Amino acid sequence: MKNIIIAETIMQDIGGHDAIFRRGDITTYTALTSEEIVNIHGVRKAHLIITDLALPLMGGVKLCSAIRSDAGLKNVSIIMACDNAEAAFSACREAGANDVIARPVDPIQLFTKISELLVIPQRKDLRVLLRVSVKGREGDAAFFASSQDISISGMLLETDRVLKKGDHITCALNIGHSEVSPECEVTRVSRTKSGRLRYGVKFLNLDTKSLIIIEQFVKINVRR
């Protein structure tokens, strides 16, 4: 069982995209202030704290420094959210945060970092056939591609069709008995040894239902 303490401001940022916090192997505690985080952590011994640089009363930097300087509290991973400014990111890292994310918080980015810090299985080298359509190109019909390394943040595609970095595509894939159709953005382009085109794509605005379906699919297949 993993214990997570998360600032209420972060929960408000992610809205209804809270599927990972409802897993059976995770217990989540919310806190309104930095002092409340310290109190909960002292009793529950969290595995991960997700807080906000501007969280009252002492603020995120003092909170992080206080935890790191206490022998009974320091063995915890910390994710800090702050304004998207280098000075703020540097302050969080110097205080001892394991990772820093910009506000408003992107739920997929947050879930990916949580998975990495808690070592939650989130990807598997498995293949799924999917149908792809490219947005914004006249006369460009849908085509098929194979996918691998599926995670809650994105996947790799292999196809003979030429795509460009920055292209927005819709991928329809069948997982178990469910079909999900996430909108994606091509983030990198490469080729396999056989010459096929390979694309790294990230999911955009993945809804909660699709997130749960993909997460469960990956979790089951990682165990095989």
C-alpha atoms as a PDB file:
ATOM      1  CA  MET A   1       0.000   0.000   0.000  1.00  0.00           C
ATOM      2  CA  LYS A   2       1.337   3.449  -0.971  1.00  0.00           C
ATOM      3  CA  ASN A   3       0.415   6.602   0.961  1.00  0.00           C
ATOM      4  CA  ILE A   4       0.210   9.883  -0.957  1.00  0.00           C
ATOM      5  CA  ILE A   5      -0.358  13.330   0.530  1.00  0.00           C
ATOM      6  CA  ILE A   6      -1.519  15.922  -2.000  1.00  0.00           C
ATOM      7  CA  ALA A   7      -2.230  19.621  -1.602  1.00  0.00           C
ATOM      8  CA  GLU A   8      -5.873  20.531  -2.125  1.00  0.00           C
ATOM      9  CA  THR A   9      -4.822  23.164  -4.693  1.00  0.00           C
ATOM     10  CA  ILE A  10      -3.303  20.417  -6.876  1.00  0.00           C
ATOM     11  CA  MET A  11      -6.460  18.305  -6.628  1.00  0.00           C
ATOM     12  CA  GLN A  12      -8.422  21.331  -7.823  1.00  0.00           C
ATOM     13  CA  ASP A  13      -6.046  21.727 -10.779  1.00  0.00           C
ATOM     14  CA  ILE A  14      -6.578  18.168 -12.017  1.00  0.00           C
ATOM     15  CA  GLY A  15     -10.342  18.280 -11.471  1.00  0.00           C
ATOM     16  CA  GLY A  16     -11.977  14.929 -12.190  1.00  0.00           C
ATOM     17  CA  HIS A  17      -8.775  13.431 -13.617  1.00  0.00           C
ATOM     18  CA  ASP A  18      -7.932  11.601 -10.391  1.00  0.00           C
ATOM     19  CA  ALA A  19      -8.059   7.957 -11.455  1.00  0.00           C
ATOM     20  CA  ILE A  20      -4.613   7.096 -10.133  1.00  0.00           C
ATOM     21  CA  PHE A  21      -5.595   8.236  -6.642  1.00  0.00           C
ATOM     22  CA  ARG A  22      -8.499   5.778  -6.633  1.00  0.00           C
ATOM     23  CA  ARG A  23      -6.346   2.699  -7.196  1.00  0.00           C
ATOM     24  CA  GLY A  24      -6.763  -0.047  -4.628  1.00  0.00           C
ATOM     25  CA  ASP A  25      -3.057   0.006  -3.719  1.00  0.00           C
ATOM     26  CA  ILE A  26      -2.933   3.777  -3.006  1.00  0.00           C
ATOM     27  CA  THR A  27      -4.301   5.724  -0.031  1.00  0.00           C
ATOM     28  CA  THR A  28      -4.585   9.478  -0.621  1.00  0.00           C
ATOM     29  CA  TYR A  29      -4.709  12.251   1.973  1.00  0.00           C
ATOM     30  CA  THR A  30      -5.444  15.873   1.032  1.00  0.00           C
ATOM     31  CA  ALA A  31      -4.125  18.907   2.892  1.00  0.00           C
ATOM     32  CA  LEU A  32      -4.990  22.605   2.855  1.00  0.00           C
ATOM     33  CA  THR A  33      -1.725  23.862   4.372  1.00  0.00           C
ATOM     34  CA  SER A  34       1.949  22.931   4.556  1.00  0.00           C
ATOM     35  CA  GLU A  35       1.613  22.427   8.295  1.00  0.00           C
ATOM     36  CA  GLU A  36      -1.168  19.904   7.708  1.00  0.00           C
ATOM     37  CA  ILE A  37       1.087  17.997   5.291  1.00  0.00           C
ATOM     38  CA  VAL A  38       3.796  17.757   7.965  1.00  0.00           C
ATOM     39  CA  ASN A  39       1.282  16.519  10.544  1.00  0.00           C
ATOM     40  CA  ILE A  40      -0.201  13.868   8.236  1.00  0.00           C
ATOM     41  CA  HIS A  41       3.252  12.722   7.129  1.00  0.00           C
ATOM     42  CA  GLY A  42       4.372  12.400  10.742  1.00  0.00           C
ATOM     43  CA  VAL A  43       1.522   9.986  11.439  1.00  0.00           C
ATOM     44  CA  ARG A  44       1.061   8.179   8.096  1.00  0.00           C
ATOM     45  CA  LYS A  45       4.667   8.180   6.799  1.00  0.00           C
ATOM     46  CA  ALA A  46       3.812   9.010   3.178  1.00  0.00           C
ATOM     47  CA  HIS A  47       5.668   7.511   0.232  1.00  0.00           C
ATOM     48  CA  LEU A  48       4.969  10.622  -1.863  1.00  0.00           C
ATOM     49  CA  ILE A  49       4.036  14.240  -1.149  1.00  0.00           C
ATOM     50  CA  ILE A  50       2.621  16.437  -3.924  1.00  0.00           C
ATOM     51  CA  THR A  51       2.561  20.066  -2.877  1.00  0.00           C
ATOM     52  CA  ASP A  52       2.418  23.625  -4.152  1.00  0.00           C
ATOM     53  CA  LEU A  53       5.196  26.198  -3.890  1.00  0.00           C
ATOM     54  CA  ALA A  54       2.636  28.795  -2.766  1.00  0.00           C
ATOM     55  CA  LEU A  55       0.756  26.559  -0.317  1.00  0.00           C
ATOM     56  CA  PRO A  56       0.092  28.397   2.985  1.00  0.00           C
ATOM     57  CA  LEU A  57       1.237  28.895   5.640  1.00  0.00           C
ATOM     58  CA  MET A  58       4.971  28.220   5.483  1.00  0.00           C
ATOM     59  CA  GLY A  59       5.078  27.689   1.709  1.00  0.00           C
ATOM     60  CA  GLY A  60       6.485  24.845  -0.340  1.00  0.00           C
ATOM     61  CA  VAL A  61      10.191  25.669  -0.027  1.00  0.00           C
ATOM     62  CA  LYS A  62      10.168  25.811   3.799  1.00  0.00           C
ATOM     63  CA  LEU A  63       8.003  22.685   3.884  1.00  0.00           C
ATOM     64  CA  CYS A  64      10.418  20.754   1.687  1.00  0.00           C
ATOM     65  CA  SER A  65      13.464  21.979   3.628  1.00  0.00           C
ATOM     66  CA  ALA A  66      11.837  21.090   6.962  1.00  0.00           C
ATOM     67  CA  ILE A  67      11.064  17.544   5.789  1.00  0.00           C
ATOM     68  CA  ARG A  68      14.535  16.985   4.341  1.00  0.00           C
ATOM     69  CA  SER A  69      16.201  18.152   7.579  1.00  0.00           C
ATOM     70  CA  ASP A  70      14.171  15.827   9.815  1.00  0.00           C
ATOM     71  CA  ALA A  71      15.583  12.294  10.111  1.00  0.00           C
ATOM     72  CA  GLY A  72      12.124  10.869  10.806  1.00  0.00           C
ATOM     73  CA  LEU A  73      10.445  12.532   7.831  1.00  0.00           C
ATOM     74  CA  LYS A  74      13.044  12.869   5.068  1.00  0.00           C
ATOM     75  CA  ASN A  75      12.610   9.452   3.438  1.00  0.00           C
ATOM     76  CA  VAL A  76       9.792  10.504   1.114  1.00  0.00           C
ATOM     77  CA  SER A  77       9.540  11.559  -2.526  1.00  0.00           C
ATOM     78  CA  ILE A  78       8.297  15.102  -3.155  1.00  0.00           C
ATOM     79  CA  ILE A  79       6.735  16.633  -6.264  1.00  0.00           C
ATOM     80  CA  MET A  80       6.406  20.415  -6.169  1.00  0.00           C
ATOM     81  CA  ALA A  81       4.114  22.455  -8.434  1.00  0.00           C
ATOM     82  CA  CYS A  82       4.913  26.097  -9.177  1.00  0.00           C
ATOM     83  CA  ASP A  83       4.629  28.851 -11.777  1.00  0.00           C
ATOM     84  CA  ASN A  84       6.333  28.069 -15.074  1.00  0.00           C
ATOM     85  CA  ALA A  85       9.428  30.169 -14.338  1.00  0.00           C
ATOM     86  CA  GLU A  86      13.046  29.026 -14.043  1.00  0.00           C
ATOM     87  CA  ALA A  87      13.571  30.848 -10.738  1.00  0.00           C
ATOM     88  CA  ALA A  88      10.613  29.001  -9.187  1.00  0.00           C
ATOM     89  CA  PHE A  89      11.787  25.636 -10.567  1.00  0.00           C
ATOM     90  CA  SER A  90      15.293  26.246  -9.173  1.00  0.00           C
ATOM     91  CA  ALA A  91      13.947  27.162  -5.732  1.00  0.00           C
ATOM     92  CA  CYS A  92      11.946  23.923  -5.593  1.00  0.00           C
ATOM     93  CA  ARG A  93      14.898  21.763  -6.628  1.00  0.00           C
ATOM     94  CA  GLU A  94      17.280  23.471  -4.201  1.00  0.00           C
ATOM     95  CA  ALA A  95      14.816  22.842  -1.366  1.00  0.00           C
ATOM     96  CA  GLY A  96      14.991  19.103  -2.087  1.00  0.00           C
ATOM     97  CA  ALA A  97      12.038  18.313  -4.366  1.00  0.00           C
ATOM     98  CA  ASN A  98      12.491  15.139  -6.430  1.00  0.00           C
ATOM     99  CA  ASP A  99      10.568  16.608  -9.326  1.00  0.00           C
ATOM    100  CA  VAL A 100       8.932  19.897 -10.298  1.00  0.00           C
ATOM    101  CA  ILE A 101       5.906  20.543 -12.528  1.00  0.00           C
ATOM    102  CA  ALA A 102       4.344  23.751 -13.812  1.00  0.00           C
ATOM    103  CA  ARG A 103       0.925  25.034 -12.817  1.00  0.00           C
ATOM    104  CA  PRO A 104      -1.770  24.674 -13.929  1.00  0.00           C
ATOM    105  CA  VAL A 105      -0.950  21.005 -13.498  1.00  0.00           C
ATOM    106  CA  ASP A 106      -1.278  18.678 -16.495  1.00  0.00           C
ATOM    107  CA  PRO A 107      -2.891  15.478 -15.085  1.00  0.00           C
ATOM    108  CA  ILE A 108      -1.090  13.156 -17.509  1.00  0.00           C
ATOM    109  CA  GLN A 109       2.299  14.689 -16.714  1.00  0.00           C
ATOM    110  CA  LEU A 110       1.555  14.409 -12.996  1.00  0.00           C
ATOM    111  CA  PHE A 111       0.455  10.763 -13.255  1.00  0.00           C
ATOM    112  CA  THR A 112       3.599   9.910 -15.213  1.00  0.00           C
ATOM    113  CA  LYS A 113       5.824  11.411 -12.510  1.00  0.00           C
ATOM    114  CA  ILE A 114       3.850   9.658  -9.777  1.00  0.00           C
ATOM    115  CA  SER A 115       4.312   6.338 -11.579  1.00  0.00           C
ATOM    116  CA  GLU A 116       8.054   6.923 -11.904  1.00  0.00           C
ATOM    117  CA  LEU A 117       8.559   7.873  -8.241  1.00  0.00           C
ATOM    118  CA  LEU A 118       6.360   5.106  -6.833  1.00  0.00           C
ATOM    119  CA  VAL A 119       7.603   2.572  -9.395  1.00  0.00           C
ATOM    120  CA  ILE A 120       4.075   1.886 -10.620  1.00  0.00           C
ATOM    121  CA  PRO A 121       4.221  -0.187 -13.835  1.00  0.00           C
ATOM    122  CA  GLN A 122       3.046   2.103 -16.603  1.00  0.00           C
ATOM    123  CA  ARG A 123       4.322   0.743 -19.892  1.00  0.00           C
ATOM    124  CA  LYS A 124       4.979  -2.503 -21.662  1.00  0.00           C
ATOM    125  CA  ASP A 125       6.628  -3.466 -24.952  1.00  0.00           C
ATOM    126  CA  LEU A 126       3.468  -4.905 -26.457  1.00  0.00           C
ATOM    127  CA  ARG A 127       1.809  -4.285 -29.785  1.00  0.00           C
ATOM    128  CA  VAL A 128      -1.716  -3.210 -30.649  1.00  0.00           C
ATOM    129  CA  LEU A 129      -3.117  -2.561 -34.124  1.00  0.00           C
ATOM    130  CA  LEU A 130      -4.832   0.808 -34.367  1.00  0.00           C
ATOM    131  CA  ARG A 131      -6.498   3.094 -36.877  1.00  0.00           C
ATOM    132  CA  VAL A 132      -4.994   6.554 -37.274  1.00  0.00           C
ATOM    133  CA  SER A 133      -6.422   9.693 -38.865  1.00  0.00           C
ATOM    134  CA  VAL A 134      -4.527  12.954 -39.321  1.00  0.00           C
ATOM    135  CA  LYS A 135      -6.193  16.231 -38.449  1.00  0.00           C
ATOM    136  CA  GLY A 136      -5.995  19.194 -40.783  1.00  0.00           C
ATOM    137  CA  ARG A 137      -4.977  17.383 -43.980  1.00  0.00           C
ATOM    138  CA  GLU A 138      -7.471  17.384 -46.813  1.00  0.00           C
ATOM    139  CA  GLY A 139      -7.954  14.064 -48.520  1.00  0.00           C
ATOM    140  CA  ASP A 140      -5.701  12.200 -46.101  1.00  0.00           C
ATOM    141  CA  ALA A 141      -7.651   9.027 -45.322  1.00  0.00           C
ATOM    142  CA  ALA A 142      -7.298   7.018 -42.136  1.00  0.00           C
ATOM    143  CA  PHE A 143      -4.599   4.338 -42.104  1.00  0.00           C
ATOM    144  CA  PHE A 144      -3.465   1.501 -39.857  1.00  0.00           C
ATOM    145  CA  ALA A 145      -0.381   1.434 -37.654  1.00  0.00           C
ATOM    146  CA  SER A 146       0.965  -0.753 -34.881  1.00  0.00           C
ATOM    147  CA  SER A 147       1.673   0.617 -31.441  1.00  0.00           C
ATOM    148  CA  GLN A 148       4.065  -0.391 -28.687  1.00  0.00           C
ATOM    149  CA  ASP A 149       5.372   0.923 -25.359  1.00  0.00           C
ATOM    150  CA  ILE A 150       1.899   2.111 -24.397  1.00  0.00           C
ATOM    151  CA  SER A 151       1.714   4.189 -21.212  1.00  0.00           C
ATOM    152  CA  ILE A 152      -0.707   6.632 -19.638  1.00  0.00           C
ATOM    153  CA  SER A 153       1.226   9.491 -21.270  1.00  0.00           C
ATOM    154  CA  GLY A 154       1.588   8.207 -24.839  1.00  0.00           C
ATOM    155  CA  MET A 155       2.977   5.447 -27.051  1.00  0.00           C
ATOM    156  CA  LEU A 156       5.192   4.588 -30.019  1.00  0.00           C
ATOM    157  CA  LEU A 157       3.654   4.075 -33.464  1.00  0.00           C
ATOM    158  CA  GLU A 158       5.117   2.172 -36.408  1.00  0.00           C
ATOM    159  CA  THR A 159       3.763   2.713 -39.913  1.00  0.00           C
ATOM    160  CA  ASP A 160       4.784   3.349 -43.511  1.00  0.00           C
ATOM    161  CA  ARG A 161       2.779   6.583 -43.568  1.00  0.00           C
ATOM    162  CA  VAL A 162       4.733   9.855 -43.357  1.00  0.00           C
ATOM    163  CA  LEU A 163       3.857  12.122 -40.447  1.00  0.00           C
ATOM    164  CA  LYS A 164       5.505  15.297 -39.221  1.00  0.00           C
ATOM    165  CA  LYS A 165       6.536  16.391 -35.760  1.00  0.00           C
ATOM    166  CA  GLY A 166       3.695  18.497 -34.372  1.00  0.00           C
ATOM    167  CA  ASP A 167       0.970  16.700 -36.361  1.00  0.00           C
ATOM    168  CA  HIS A 168      -2.237  16.129 -34.412  1.00  0.00           C
ATOM    169  CA  ILE A 169      -3.729  12.695 -34.955  1.00  0.00           C
ATOM    170  CA  THR A 170      -6.612  10.641 -33.592  1.00  0.00           C
ATOM    171  CA  CYS A 171      -5.803   7.015 -32.752  1.00  0.00           C
ATOM    172  CA  ALA A 172      -8.602   4.468 -32.411  1.00  0.00           C
ATOM    173  CA  LEU A 173      -7.393   1.348 -30.616  1.00  0.00           C
ATOM    174  CA  ASN A 174      -9.185  -1.623 -29.136  1.00  0.00           C
ATOM    175  CA  ILE A 175      -8.062  -2.579 -25.646  1.00  0.00           C
ATOM    176  CA  GLY A 176      -9.729  -5.676 -24.318  1.00  0.00           C
ATOM    177  CA  HIS A 177     -13.404  -5.163 -25.087  1.00  0.00           C
ATOM    178  CA  SER A 178     -13.188  -1.367 -25.138  1.00  0.00           C
ATOM    179  CA  GLU A 179     -12.226   1.166 -27.809  1.00  0.00           C
ATOM    180  CA  VAL A 180     -10.467   4.381 -26.884  1.00  0.00           C
ATOM    181  CA  SER A 181      -9.835   7.197 -29.363  1.00  0.00           C
ATOM    182  CA  PRO A 182      -7.336   9.612 -27.835  1.00  0.00           C
ATOM    183  CA  GLU A 183      -6.201  12.740 -29.630  1.00  0.00           C
ATOM    184  CA  CYS A 184      -2.406  12.734 -29.875  1.00  0.00           C
ATOM    185  CA  GLU A 185       0.497  14.928 -30.942  1.00  0.00           C
ATOM    186  CA  VAL A 186       3.566  13.600 -32.763  1.00  0.00           C
ATOM    187  CA  THR A 187       6.577  14.558 -30.631  1.00  0.00           C
ATOM    188  CA  ARG A 188       9.444  12.714 -32.321  1.00  0.00           C
ATOM    189  CA  VAL A 189      10.221  10.897 -35.582  1.00  0.00           C
ATOM    190  CA  SER A 190      12.701   8.073 -36.224  1.00  0.00           C
ATOM    191  CA  ARG A 191      13.145   4.885 -38.239  1.00  0.00           C
ATOM    192  CA  THR A 192      13.435   1.249 -37.221  1.00  0.00           C
ATOM    193  CA  LYS A 193      16.302  -0.969 -38.439  1.00  0.00           C
ATOM    194  CA  SER A 194      13.937  -2.357 -41.064  1.00  0.00           C
ATOM    195  CA  GLY A 195      13.237   1.149 -42.383  1.00  0.00           C
ATOM    196  CA  ARG A 196       9.715   1.575 -41.042  1.00  0.00           C
ATOM    197  CA  LEU A 197       8.801   4.970 -39.665  1.00  0.00           C
ATOM    198  CA  ARG A 198       8.464   5.215 -35.903  1.00  0.00           C
ATOM    199  CA  TYR A 199       6.712   8.066 -34.112  1.00  0.00           C
ATOM    200  CA  GLY A 200       6.572   9.012 -30.464  1.00  0.00           C
ATOM    201  CA  VAL A 201       3.165  10.482 -29.662  1.00  0.00           C
ATOM    202  CA  LYS A 202       1.757  11.976 -26.477  1.00  0.00           C
ATOM    203  CA  PHE A 203      -1.882  11.853 -25.471  1.00  0.00           C
ATOM    204  CA  LEU A 204      -3.731  15.169 -25.345  1.00  0.00           C
ATOM    205  CA  ASN A 205      -6.614  15.730 -22.892  1.00  0.00           C
ATOM    206  CA  LEU A 206      -7.071  12.035 -22.155  1.00  0.00           C
ATOM    207  CA  ASP A 207     -10.442  11.566 -20.454  1.00  0.00           C
ATOM    208  CA  THR A 208     -10.736   9.698 -17.178  1.00  0.00           C
ATOM    209  CA  LYS A 209     -12.424   6.624 -18.687  1.00  0.00           C
ATOM    210  CA  SER A 210      -9.712   6.191 -21.331  1.00  0.00           C
ATOM    211  CA  LEU A 211      -7.006   6.744 -18.721  1.00  0.00           C
ATOM    212  CA  ILE A 212      -8.424   3.967 -16.537  1.00  0.00           C
ATOM    213  CA  ILE A 213      -8.746   1.562 -19.493  1.00  0.00           C
ATOM    214  CA  ILE A 214      -5.159   2.163 -20.635  1.00  0.00           C
ATOM    215  CA  GLU A 215      -3.735   2.017 -17.106  1.00  0.00           C
ATOM    216  CA  GLN A 216      -5.471  -1.288 -16.346  1.00  0.00           C
ATOM    217  CA  PHE A 217      -4.418  -2.760 -19.711  1.00  0.00           C
ATOM    218  CA  VAL A 218      -0.760  -1.909 -19.090  1.00  0.00           C
ATOM    219  CA  LYS A 219      -0.876  -3.060 -15.463  1.00  0.00           C
ATOM    220  CA  ILE A 220      -2.265  -6.484 -16.438  1.00  0.00           C
ATOM    221  CA  ASN A 221       0.229  -7.014 -19.261  1.00  0.00           C
ATOM    222  CA  VAL A 222       3.259  -5.934 -17.213  1.00  0.00           C
ATOM    223  CA  ARG A 223       2.496  -8.756 -14.782  1.00  0.00           C
ATOM    224  CA  ARG A 224       2.494 -11.397 -17.521  1.00  0.00           C
END
